[in-house]
Amino acid sequence: MNVKQLDAVNAYSQATRQLDKGGAAPREGVDGKGEGSAFSSLIEDAMGDVTKATATSELTGARALTDKADMVDVVTAVSNAEMVVQTVVSVRDKVISAYNDILKMPI
């Protein structure tokens, strides 16, 4: 199992745990009251993962410049950050596609 598959499995299990733990009602957070929906918290966590992955990548790159990190660590961190960003972009594209499909539905 390579790193990308393992990251995908971990992300899926984390999302599943969060949805199970949240137990969001279908209309939770729709009126602007309350803590928000499970979907919004899932998106917030994904954006936090992107921020964390890119920060780790930058930090590892800076450590490599000062000979405190191995190039393998740099490549792994950059690859992980790229995978996380690609995952978020793919989810965004699917959400936009679903929204466009909803707009095309006859009333």
PDB file of N, CA and C in Angstrom:
ATOM      1  N   MET A   1       0.856  -1.169   0.000  1.00  0.00           N
ATOM      2  CA  MET A   1       0.000   0.000   0.000  1.00  0.00           C
ATOM      3  C   MET A   1       0.904   1.235   0.000  1.00  0.00           C
ATOM      4  N   ASN A   2       0.704   2.120  -0.967  1.00  0.00           N
ATOM      5  CA  ASN A   2       1.547   3.311  -1.004  1.00  0.00           C
ATOM      6  C   ASN A   2       0.960   4.421  -0.142  1.00  0.00           C
ATOM      7  N   VAL A   3       1.676   5.521  -0.049  1.00  0.00           N
ATOM      8  CA  VAL A   3       1.308   6.603   0.863  1.00  0.00           C
ATOM      9  C   VAL A   3      -0.029   7.225   0.470  1.00  0.00           C
ATOM     10  N   LYS A   4      -0.280   7.420  -0.820  1.00  0.00           N
ATOM     11  CA  LYS A   4      -1.517   8.057  -1.245  1.00  0.00           C
ATOM     12  C   LYS A   4      -2.737   7.210  -0.887  1.00  0.00           C
ATOM     13  N   GLN A   5      -2.635   5.901  -1.049  1.00  0.00           N
ATOM     14  CA  GLN A   5      -3.750   5.040  -0.687  1.00  0.00           C
ATOM     15  C   GLN A   5      -3.992   5.084   0.814  1.00  0.00           C
ATOM     16  N   LEU A   6      -2.929   5.070   1.580  1.00  0.00           N
ATOM     17  CA  LEU A   6      -3.056   5.117   3.034  1.00  0.00           C
ATOM     18  C   LEU A   6      -3.671   6.438   3.477  1.00  0.00           C
ATOM     19  N   ASP A   7      -3.253   7.548   2.864  1.00  0.00           N
ATOM     20  CA  ASP A   7      -3.836   8.842   3.210  1.00  0.00           C
ATOM     21  C   ASP A   7      -5.316   8.895   2.855  1.00  0.00           C
ATOM     22  N   ALA A   8      -5.684   8.310   1.721  1.00  0.00           N
ATOM     23  CA  ALA A   8      -7.090   8.292   1.326  1.00  0.00           C
ATOM     24  C   ALA A   8      -7.917   7.461   2.304  1.00  0.00           C
ATOM     25  N   VAL A   9      -7.394   6.332   2.710  1.00  0.00           N
ATOM     26  CA  VAL A   9      -8.103   5.486   3.674  1.00  0.00           C
ATOM     27  C   VAL A   9      -8.253   6.221   5.002  1.00  0.00           C
ATOM     28  N   ASN A  10      -7.201   6.885   5.449  1.00  0.00           N
ATOM     29  CA  ASN A  10      -7.268   7.635   6.707  1.00  0.00           C
ATOM     30  C   ASN A  10      -8.265   8.781   6.615  1.00  0.00           C
ATOM     31  N   ALA A  11      -8.279   9.489   5.493  1.00  0.00           N
ATOM     32  CA  ALA A  11      -9.218  10.598   5.321  1.00  0.00           C
ATOM     33  C   ALA A  11     -10.655  10.098   5.305  1.00  0.00           C
ATOM     34  N   TYR A  12     -10.893   8.970   4.643  1.00  0.00           N
ATOM     35  CA  TYR A  12     -12.236   8.411   4.593  1.00  0.00           C
ATOM     36  C   TYR A  12     -12.695   7.970   5.981  1.00  0.00           C
ATOM     37  N   SER A  13     -11.809   7.309   6.714  1.00  0.00           N
ATOM     38  CA  SER A  13     -12.201   6.848   8.048  1.00  0.00           C
ATOM     39  C   SER A  13     -12.425   8.024   8.989  1.00  0.00           C
ATOM     40  N   GLN A  14     -11.630   9.079   8.848  1.00  0.00           N
ATOM     41  CA  GLN A  14     -11.822  10.265   9.681  1.00  0.00           C
ATOM     42  C   GLN A  14     -13.161  10.928   9.365  1.00  0.00           C
ATOM     43  N   ALA A  15     -13.500  11.022   8.092  1.00  0.00           N
ATOM     44  CA  ALA A  15     -14.777  11.622   7.704  1.00  0.00           C
ATOM     45  C   ALA A  15     -15.943  10.786   8.203  1.00  0.00           C
ATOM     46  N   THR A  16     -15.816   9.474   8.117  1.00  0.00           N
ATOM     47  CA  THR A  16     -16.875   8.588   8.589  1.00  0.00           C
ATOM     48  C   THR A  16     -17.065   8.708  10.095  1.00  0.00           C
ATOM     49  N   ARG A  17     -15.952   8.733  10.836  1.00  0.00           N
ATOM     50  CA  ARG A  17     -16.047   8.894  12.292  1.00  0.00           C
ATOM     51  C   ARG A  17     -16.701  10.215  12.653  1.00  0.00           C
ATOM     52  N   GLN A  18     -16.342  11.256  11.942  1.00  0.00           N
ATOM     53  CA  GLN A  18     -16.876  12.575  12.255  1.00  0.00           C
ATOM     54  C   GLN A  18     -18.376  12.639  11.959  1.00  0.00           C
ATOM     55  N   LEU A  19     -18.795  12.029  10.861  1.00  0.00           N
ATOM     56  CA  LEU A  19     -20.216  12.028  10.553  1.00  0.00           C
ATOM     57  C   LEU A  19     -20.997  11.178  11.555  1.00  0.00           C
ATOM     58  N   ASP A  20     -20.415  10.039  11.967  1.00  0.00           N
ATOM     59  CA  ASP A  20     -21.072   9.201  12.959  1.00  0.00           C
ATOM     60  C   ASP A  20     -21.162   9.903  14.304  1.00  0.00           C
ATOM     61  N   LYS A  21     -20.102  10.584  14.663  1.00  0.00           N
ATOM     62  CA  LYS A  21     -20.056  11.274  15.954  1.00  0.00           C
ATOM     63  C   LYS A  21     -21.010  12.465  15.973  1.00  0.00           C
ATOM     64  N   GLY A  22     -21.082  13.193  14.849  1.00  0.00           N
ATOM     65  CA  GLY A  22     -21.909  14.393  14.794  1.00  0.00           C
ATOM     66  C   GLY A  22     -23.390  14.083  14.783  1.00  0.00           C
ATOM     67  N   GLY A  23     -23.786  13.083  14.034  1.00  0.00           N
ATOM     68  CA  GLY A  23     -25.198  12.737  13.963  1.00  0.00           C
ATOM     69  C   GLY A  23     -26.052  13.916  13.557  1.00  0.00           C
ATOM     70  N   ALA A  24     -25.640  14.649  12.533  1.00  0.00           N
ATOM     71  CA  ALA A  24     -26.317  15.882  12.144  1.00  0.00           C
ATOM     72  C   ALA A  24     -27.700  15.600  11.576  1.00  0.00           C
ATOM     73  N   ALA A  25     -28.654  16.396  11.980  1.00  0.00           N
ATOM     74  CA  ALA A  25     -29.994  16.324  11.414  1.00  0.00           C
ATOM     75  C   ALA A  25     -29.967  16.933  10.024  1.00  0.00           C
ATOM     76  N   PRO A  26     -30.913  16.577   9.154  1.00  0.00           N
ATOM     77  CA  PRO A  26     -30.878  17.075   7.791  1.00  0.00           C
ATOM     78  C   PRO A  26     -30.913  18.592   7.681  1.00  0.00           C
ATOM     79  N   ARG A  27     -31.588  19.280   8.604  1.00  0.00           N
ATOM     80  CA  ARG A  27     -31.712  20.723   8.478  1.00  0.00           C
ATOM     81  C   ARG A  27     -30.852  21.474   9.477  1.00  0.00           C
ATOM     82  N   GLU A  28     -29.954  20.809  10.133  1.00  0.00           N
ATOM     83  CA  GLU A  28     -29.120  21.463  11.133  1.00  0.00           C
ATOM     84  C   GLU A  28     -28.245  22.523  10.488  1.00  0.00           C
ATOM     85  N   GLY A  29     -28.273  23.720  11.030  1.00  0.00           N
ATOM     86  CA  GLY A  29     -27.428  24.793  10.536  1.00  0.00           C
ATOM     87  C   GLY A  29     -27.975  25.515   9.329  1.00  0.00           C
ATOM     88  N   VAL A  30     -29.142  25.146   8.824  1.00  0.00           N
ATOM     89  CA  VAL A  30     -29.682  25.772   7.626  1.00  0.00           C
ATOM     90  C   VAL A  30     -30.118  27.199   7.898  1.00  0.00           C
ATOM     91  N   ASP A  31     -30.696  27.452   9.049  1.00  0.00           N
ATOM     92  CA  ASP A  31     -31.201  28.786   9.355  1.00  0.00           C
ATOM     93  C   ASP A  31     -30.144  29.706   9.944  1.00  0.00           C
ATOM     94  N   GLY A  32     -28.894  29.288   9.965  1.00  0.00           N
ATOM     95  CA  GLY A  32     -27.832  30.125  10.487  1.00  0.00           C
ATOM     96  C   GLY A  32     -27.669  30.020  11.987  1.00  0.00           C
ATOM     97  N   LYS A  33     -28.525  29.256  12.640  1.00  0.00           N
ATOM     98  CA  LYS A  33     -28.428  29.083  14.085  1.00  0.00           C
ATOM     99  C   LYS A  33     -27.729  27.776  14.385  1.00  0.00           C
ATOM    100  N   GLY A  34     -27.211  27.644  15.546  1.00  0.00           N
ATOM    101  CA  GLY A  34     -26.559  26.398  15.942  1.00  0.00           C
ATOM    102  C   GLY A  34     -25.091  26.395  15.546  1.00  0.00           C
ATOM    103  N   GLU A  35     -24.502  25.236  15.654  1.00  0.00           N
ATOM    104  CA  GLU A  35     -23.072  25.110  15.427  1.00  0.00           C
ATOM    105  C   GLU A  35     -22.709  24.872  13.966  1.00  0.00           C
ATOM    106  N   GLY A  36     -23.660  24.545  13.130  1.00  0.00           N
ATOM    107  CA  GLY A  36     -23.378  24.245  11.743  1.00  0.00           C
ATOM    108  C   GLY A  36     -23.586  22.778  11.457  1.00  0.00           C
ATOM    109  N   SER A  37     -23.525  22.435  10.208  1.00  0.00           N
ATOM    110  CA  SER A  37     -23.799  21.060   9.814  1.00  0.00           C
ATOM    111  C   SER A  37     -22.531  20.226   9.838  1.00  0.00           C
ATOM    112  N   ALA A  38     -22.726  18.936   9.715  1.00  0.00           N
ATOM    113  CA  ALA A  38     -21.589  18.022   9.662  1.00  0.00           C
ATOM    114  C   ALA A  38     -20.778  18.282   8.399  1.00  0.00           C
ATOM    115  N   PHE A  39     -21.451  18.656   7.325  1.00  0.00           N
ATOM    116  CA  PHE A  39     -20.747  18.936   6.075  1.00  0.00           C
ATOM    117  C   PHE A  39     -19.824  20.137   6.227  1.00  0.00           C
ATOM    118  N   SER A  40     -20.309  21.185   6.889  1.00  0.00           N
ATOM    119  CA  SER A  40     -19.466  22.371   7.055  1.00  0.00           C
ATOM    120  C   SER A  40     -18.262  22.074   7.939  1.00  0.00           C
ATOM    121  N   SER A  41     -18.465  21.260   8.967  1.00  0.00           N
ATOM    122  CA  SER A  41     -17.323  20.911   9.821  1.00  0.00           C
ATOM    123  C   SER A  41     -16.345  20.009   9.067  1.00  0.00           C
ATOM    124  N   LEU A  42     -16.868  19.162   8.170  1.00  0.00           N
ATOM    125  CA  LEU A  42     -16.008  18.323   7.341  1.00  0.00           C
ATOM    126  C   LEU A  42     -15.150  19.184   6.414  1.00  0.00           C
ATOM    127  N   ILE A  43     -15.753  20.211   5.840  1.00  0.00           N
ATOM    128  CA  ILE A  43     -15.019  21.126   4.959  1.00  0.00           C
ATOM    129  C   ILE A  43     -13.987  21.916   5.759  1.00  0.00           C
ATOM    130  N   GLU A  44     -14.361  22.374   6.939  1.00  0.00           N
ATOM    131  CA  GLU A  44     -13.405  23.105   7.778  1.00  0.00           C
ATOM    132  C   GLU A  44     -12.209  22.241   8.137  1.00  0.00           C
ATOM    133  N   ASP A  45     -12.460  20.970   8.443  1.00  0.00           N
ATOM    134  CA  ASP A  45     -11.368  20.052   8.758  1.00  0.00           C
ATOM    135  C   ASP A  45     -10.480  19.811   7.543  1.00  0.00           C
ATOM    136  N   ALA A  46     -11.097  19.703   6.383  1.00  0.00           N
ATOM    137  CA  ALA A  46     -10.312  19.504   5.152  1.00  0.00           C
ATOM    138  C   ALA A  46      -9.423  20.707   4.887  1.00  0.00           C
ATOM    139  N   MET A  47      -9.947  21.902   5.094  1.00  0.00           N
ATOM    140  CA  MET A  47      -9.136  23.108   4.887  1.00  0.00           C
ATOM    141  C   MET A  47      -8.021  23.182   5.930  1.00  0.00           C
ATOM    142  N   GLY A  48      -8.313  22.733   7.138  1.00  0.00           N
ATOM    143  CA  GLY A  48      -7.268  22.677   8.167  1.00  0.00           C
ATOM    144  C   GLY A  48      -6.184  21.689   7.790  1.00  0.00           C
ATOM    145  N   ASP A  49      -6.588  20.560   7.179  1.00  0.00           N
ATOM    146  CA  ASP A  49      -5.605  19.578   6.721  1.00  0.00           C
ATOM    147  C   ASP A  49      -4.720  20.150   5.627  1.00  0.00           C
ATOM    148  N   VAL A  50      -5.311  20.947   4.724  1.00  0.00           N
ATOM    149  CA  VAL A  50      -4.523  21.577   3.658  1.00  0.00           C
ATOM    150  C   VAL A  50      -3.509  22.534   4.260  1.00  0.00           C
ATOM    151  N   THR A  51      -3.965  23.346   5.197  1.00  0.00           N
ATOM    152  CA  THR A  51      -3.068  24.307   5.845  1.00  0.00           C
ATOM    153  C   THR A  51      -1.936  23.585   6.571  1.00  0.00           C
ATOM    154  N   LYS A  52      -2.289  22.531   7.281  1.00  0.00           N
ATOM    155  CA  LYS A  52      -1.282  21.772   8.033  1.00  0.00           C
ATOM    156  C   LYS A  52      -0.283  21.101   7.091  1.00  0.00           C
ATOM    157  N   ALA A  53      -0.774  20.510   6.004  1.00  0.00           N
ATOM    158  CA  ALA A  53       0.109  19.802   5.067  1.00  0.00           C
ATOM    159  C   ALA A  53       1.050  20.770   4.363  1.00  0.00           C
ATOM    160  N   THR A  54       0.546  21.923   3.953  1.00  0.00           N
ATOM    161  CA  THR A  54       1.424  22.885   3.280  1.00  0.00           C
ATOM    162  C   THR A  54       2.428  23.488   4.254  1.00  0.00           C
ATOM    163  N   ALA A  55       2.000  23.731   5.486  1.00  0.00           N
ATOM    164  CA  ALA A  55       2.935  24.269   6.482  1.00  0.00           C
ATOM    165  C   ALA A  55       4.035  23.251   6.786  1.00  0.00           C
ATOM    166  N   THR A  56       3.660  21.983   6.896  1.00  0.00           N
ATOM    167  CA  THR A  56       4.649  20.932   7.128  1.00  0.00           C
ATOM    168  C   THR A  56       5.620  20.837   5.966  1.00  0.00           C
ATOM    169  N   SER A  57       5.089  20.958   4.761  1.00  0.00           N
ATOM    170  CA  SER A  57       5.932  20.913   3.570  1.00  0.00           C
ATOM    171  C   SER A  57       6.939  22.065   3.557  1.00  0.00           C
ATOM    172  N   GLU A  58       6.454  23.259   3.864  1.00  0.00           N
ATOM    173  CA  GLU A  58       7.343  24.415   3.896  1.00  0.00           C
ATOM    174  C   GLU A  58       8.393  24.292   4.996  1.00  0.00           C
ATOM    175  N   LEU A  59       7.983  23.824   6.153  1.00  0.00           N
ATOM    176  CA  LEU A  59       8.908  23.666   7.273  1.00  0.00           C
ATOM    177  C   LEU A  59       9.976  22.624   6.958  1.00  0.00           C
ATOM    178  N   THR A  60       9.570  21.518   6.354  1.00  0.00           N
ATOM    179  CA  THR A  60      10.527  20.479   5.992  1.00  0.00           C
ATOM    180  C   THR A  60      11.498  20.979   4.932  1.00  0.00           C
ATOM    181  N   GLY A  61      11.000  21.760   3.981  1.00  0.00           N
ATOM    182  CA  GLY A  61      11.882  22.354   2.972  1.00  0.00           C
ATOM    183  C   GLY A  61      12.889  23.302   3.584  1.00  0.00           C
ATOM    184  N   ALA A  62      12.443  24.105   4.550  1.00  0.00           N
ATOM    185  CA  ALA A  62      13.358  25.025   5.223  1.00  0.00           C
ATOM    186  C   ALA A  62      14.395  24.259   6.049  1.00  0.00           C
ATOM    187  N   ARG A  63      13.988  23.159   6.675  1.00  0.00           N
ATOM    188  CA  ARG A  63      14.940  22.346   7.432  1.00  0.00           C
ATOM    189  C   ARG A  63      15.963  21.699   6.510  1.00  0.00           C
ATOM    190  N   ALA A  64      15.536  21.336   5.309  1.00  0.00           N
ATOM    191  CA  ALA A  64      16.465  20.725   4.358  1.00  0.00           C
ATOM    192  C   ALA A  64      17.527  21.730   3.916  1.00  0.00           C
ATOM    193  N   LEU A  65      17.144  22.994   3.826  1.00  0.00           N
ATOM    194  CA  LEU A  65      18.113  24.017   3.442  1.00  0.00           C
ATOM    195  C   LEU A  65      19.208  24.191   4.486  1.00  0.00           C
ATOM    196  N   THR A  66      18.872  23.900   5.729  1.00  0.00           N
ATOM    197  CA  THR A  66      19.865  24.020   6.802  1.00  0.00           C
ATOM    198  C   THR A  66      20.455  22.664   7.191  1.00  0.00           C
ATOM    199  N   ASP A  67      20.277  21.675   6.327  1.00  0.00           N
ATOM    200  CA  ASP A  67      20.799  20.309   6.534  1.00  0.00           C
ATOM    201  C   ASP A  67      20.264  19.654   7.803  1.00  0.00           C
ATOM    202  N   LYS A  68      19.033  19.970   8.182  1.00  0.00           N
ATOM    203  CA  LYS A  68      18.412  19.347   9.342  1.00  0.00           C
ATOM    204  C   LYS A  68      17.339  18.343   8.940  1.00  0.00           C
ATOM    205  N   ALA A  69      17.116  18.191   7.630  1.00  0.00           N
ATOM    206  CA  ALA A  69      16.129  17.223   7.145  1.00  0.00           C
ATOM    207  C   ALA A  69      16.674  16.541   5.897  1.00  0.00           C
ATOM    208  N   ASP A  70      16.240  15.324   5.714  1.00  0.00           N
ATOM    209  CA  ASP A  70      16.659  14.529   4.567  1.00  0.00           C
ATOM    210  C   ASP A  70      15.787  14.883   3.364  1.00  0.00           C
ATOM    211  N   MET A  71      16.312  14.710   2.158  1.00  0.00           N
ATOM    212  CA  MET A  71      15.556  15.007   0.953  1.00  0.00           C
ATOM    213  C   MET A  71      14.344  14.079   0.815  1.00  0.00           C
ATOM    214  N   VAL A  72      14.451  12.877   1.341  1.00  0.00           N
ATOM    215  CA  VAL A  72      13.307  11.958   1.302  1.00  0.00           C
ATOM    216  C   VAL A  72      12.148  12.543   2.096  1.00  0.00           C
ATOM    217  N   ASP A  73      12.457  13.160   3.233  1.00  0.00           N
ATOM    218  CA  ASP A  73      11.412  13.793   4.036  1.00  0.00           C
ATOM    219  C   ASP A  73      10.767  14.955   3.283  1.00  0.00           C
ATOM    220  N   VAL A  74      11.584  15.722   2.570  1.00  0.00           N
ATOM    221  CA  VAL A  74      11.071  16.855   1.793  1.00  0.00           C
ATOM    222  C   VAL A  74      10.139  16.361   0.693  1.00  0.00           C
ATOM    223  N   VAL A  75      10.579  15.360  -0.043  1.00  0.00           N
ATOM    224  CA  VAL A  75       9.765  14.831  -1.139  1.00  0.00           C
ATOM    225  C   VAL A  75       8.468  14.242  -0.605  1.00  0.00           C
ATOM    226  N   THR A  76       8.544  13.537   0.517  1.00  0.00           N
ATOM    227  CA  THR A  76       7.343  12.954   1.112  1.00  0.00           C
ATOM    228  C   THR A  76       6.380  14.047   1.564  1.00  0.00           C
ATOM    229  N   ALA A  77       6.884  15.092   2.198  1.00  0.00           N
ATOM    230  CA  ALA A  77       6.028  16.179   2.674  1.00  0.00           C
ATOM    231  C   ALA A  77       5.377  16.928   1.518  1.00  0.00           C
ATOM    232  N   VAL A  78       6.151  17.192   0.468  1.00  0.00           N
ATOM    233  CA  VAL A  78       5.603  17.893  -0.696  1.00  0.00           C
ATOM    234  C   VAL A  78       4.565  17.025  -1.399  1.00  0.00           C
ATOM    235  N   SER A  79       4.850  15.732  -1.519  1.00  0.00           N
ATOM    236  CA  SER A  79       3.907  14.812  -2.149  1.00  0.00           C
ATOM    237  C   SER A  79       2.612  14.727  -1.352  1.00  0.00           C
ATOM    238  N   ASN A  80       2.724  14.674  -0.034  1.00  0.00           N
ATOM    239  CA  ASN A  80       1.539  14.629   0.820  1.00  0.00           C
ATOM    240  C   ASN A  80       0.722  15.909   0.681  1.00  0.00           C
ATOM    241  N   ALA A  81       1.385  17.055   0.672  1.00  0.00           N
ATOM    242  CA  ALA A  81       0.677  18.327   0.517  1.00  0.00           C
ATOM    243  C   ALA A  81      -0.030  18.386  -0.839  1.00  0.00           C
ATOM    244  N   GLU A  82       0.644  17.916  -1.864  1.00  0.00           N
ATOM    245  CA  GLU A  82       0.035  17.910  -3.204  1.00  0.00           C
ATOM    246  C   GLU A  82      -1.199  17.016  -3.234  1.00  0.00           C
ATOM    247  N   MET A  83      -1.119  15.852  -2.602  1.00  0.00           N
ATOM    248  CA  MET A  83      -2.243  14.924  -2.578  1.00  0.00           C
ATOM    249  C   MET A  83      -3.430  15.511  -1.818  1.00  0.00           C
ATOM    250  N   VAL A  84      -3.156  16.182  -0.703  1.00  0.00           N
ATOM    251  CA  VAL A  84      -4.229  16.780   0.083  1.00  0.00           C
ATOM    252  C   VAL A  84      -4.919  17.887  -0.710  1.00  0.00           C
ATOM    253  N   VAL A  85      -4.138  18.718  -1.381  1.00  0.00           N
ATOM    254  CA  VAL A  85      -4.714  19.799  -2.178  1.00  0.00           C
ATOM    255  C   VAL A  85      -5.522  19.224  -3.342  1.00  0.00           C
ATOM    256  N   GLN A  86      -5.001  18.203  -4.007  1.00  0.00           N
ATOM    257  CA  GLN A  86      -5.741  17.585  -5.112  1.00  0.00           C
ATOM    258  C   GLN A  86      -7.050  16.975  -4.634  1.00  0.00           C
ATOM    259  N   THR A  87      -7.050  16.398  -3.443  1.00  0.00           N
ATOM    260  CA  THR A  87      -8.273  15.815  -2.894  1.00  0.00           C
ATOM    261  C   THR A  87      -9.315  16.893  -2.652  1.00  0.00           C
ATOM    262  N   VAL A  88      -8.903  18.005  -2.061  1.00  0.00           N
ATOM    263  CA  VAL A  88      -9.838  19.097  -1.789  1.00  0.00           C
ATOM    264  C   VAL A  88     -10.364  19.688  -3.096  1.00  0.00           C
ATOM    265  N   VAL A  89      -9.512  19.831  -4.089  1.00  0.00           N
ATOM    266  CA  VAL A  89      -9.944  20.358  -5.384  1.00  0.00           C
ATOM    267  C   VAL A  89     -10.934  19.392  -6.044  1.00  0.00           C
ATOM    268  N   SER A  90     -10.691  18.099  -5.935  1.00  0.00           N
ATOM    269  CA  SER A  90     -11.612  17.112  -6.507  1.00  0.00           C
ATOM    270  C   SER A  90     -12.976  17.168  -5.834  1.00  0.00           C
ATOM    271  N   VAL A  91     -12.978  17.292  -4.506  1.00  0.00           N
ATOM    272  CA  VAL A  91     -14.247  17.404  -3.782  1.00  0.00           C
ATOM    273  C   VAL A  91     -14.964  18.682  -4.192  1.00  0.00           C
ATOM    274  N   ARG A  92     -14.229  19.772  -4.304  1.00  0.00           N
ATOM    275  CA  ARG A  92     -14.832  21.040  -4.732  1.00  0.00           C
ATOM    276  C   ARG A  92     -15.467  20.906  -6.109  1.00  0.00           C
ATOM    277  N   ASP A  93     -14.758  20.258  -7.036  1.00  0.00           N
ATOM    278  CA  ASP A  93     -15.287  20.078  -8.379  1.00  0.00           C
ATOM    279  C   ASP A  93     -16.558  19.235  -8.372  1.00  0.00           C
ATOM    280  N   LYS A  94     -16.588  18.189  -7.532  1.00  0.00           N
ATOM    281  CA  LYS A  94     -17.782  17.351  -7.437  1.00  0.00           C
ATOM    282  C   LYS A  94     -18.960  18.122  -6.845  1.00  0.00           C
ATOM    283  N   VAL A  95     -18.700  18.958  -5.858  1.00  0.00           N
ATOM    284  CA  VAL A  95     -19.773  19.760  -5.263  1.00  0.00           C
ATOM    285  C   VAL A  95     -20.322  20.739  -6.285  1.00  0.00           C
ATOM    286  N   ILE A  96     -19.461  21.376  -7.041  1.00  0.00           N
ATOM    287  CA  ILE A  96     -19.911  22.314  -8.073  1.00  0.00           C
ATOM    288  C   ILE A  96     -20.697  21.577  -9.149  1.00  0.00           C
ATOM    289  N   SER A  97     -20.232  20.403  -9.534  1.00  0.00           N
ATOM    290  CA  SER A  97     -20.940  19.611 -10.534  1.00  0.00           C
ATOM    291  C   SER A  97     -22.329  19.214 -10.030  1.00  0.00           C
ATOM    292  N   ALA A  98     -22.423  18.800  -8.774  1.00  0.00           N
ATOM    293  CA  ALA A  98     -23.719  18.440  -8.201  1.00  0.00           C
ATOM    294  C   ALA A  98     -24.643  19.650  -8.142  1.00  0.00           C
ATOM    295  N   TYR A  99     -24.101  20.792  -7.781  1.00  0.00           N
ATOM    296  CA  TYR A  99     -24.891  22.024  -7.731  1.00  0.00           C
ATOM    297  C   TYR A  99     -25.421  22.377  -9.121  1.00  0.00           C
ATOM    298  N   ASN A 100     -24.569  22.257 -10.135  1.00  0.00           N
ATOM    299  CA  ASN A 100     -25.015  22.535 -11.507  1.00  0.00           C
ATOM    300  C   ASN A 100     -26.082  21.550 -11.959  1.00  0.00           C
ATOM    301  N   ASP A 101     -25.964  20.284 -11.563  1.00  0.00           N
ATOM    302  CA  ASP A 101     -26.996  19.292 -11.896  1.00  0.00           C
ATOM    303  C   ASP A 101     -28.317  19.636 -11.241  1.00  0.00           C
ATOM    304  N   ILE A 102     -28.262  20.122 -10.012  1.00  0.00           N
ATOM    305  CA  ILE A 102     -29.488  20.533  -9.311  1.00  0.00           C
ATOM    306  C   ILE A 102     -30.131  21.720 -10.022  1.00  0.00           C
ATOM    307  N   LEU A 103     -29.300  22.650 -10.485  1.00  0.00           N
ATOM    308  CA  LEU A 103     -29.851  23.813 -11.189  1.00  0.00           C
ATOM    309  C   LEU A 103     -30.515  23.415 -12.506  1.00  0.00           C
ATOM    310  N   LYS A 104     -30.048  22.369 -13.128  1.00  0.00           N
ATOM    311  CA  LYS A 104     -30.604  21.929 -14.409  1.00  0.00           C
ATOM    312  C   LYS A 104     -31.907  21.149 -14.252  1.00  0.00           C
ATOM    313  N   MET A 105     -32.245  20.733 -13.022  1.00  0.00           N
ATOM    314  CA  MET A 105     -33.466  19.947 -12.796  1.00  0.00           C
ATOM    315  C   MET A 105     -34.698  20.809 -13.050  1.00  0.00           C
ATOM    316  N   PRO A 106     -35.690  20.193 -13.697  1.00  0.00           N
ATOM    317  CA  PRO A 106     -36.952  20.936 -13.898  1.00  0.00           C
ATOM    318  C   PRO A 106     -37.701  21.078 -12.578  1.00  0.00           C
ATOM    319  N   ILE A 107     -38.375  22.163 -12.457  1.00  0.00           N
ATOM    320  CA  ILE A 107     -39.129  22.433 -11.208  1.00  0.00           C
ATOM    321  C   ILE A 107     -40.483  21.781 -11.263  1.00  0.00           C
TER     322      ILE A 107
END
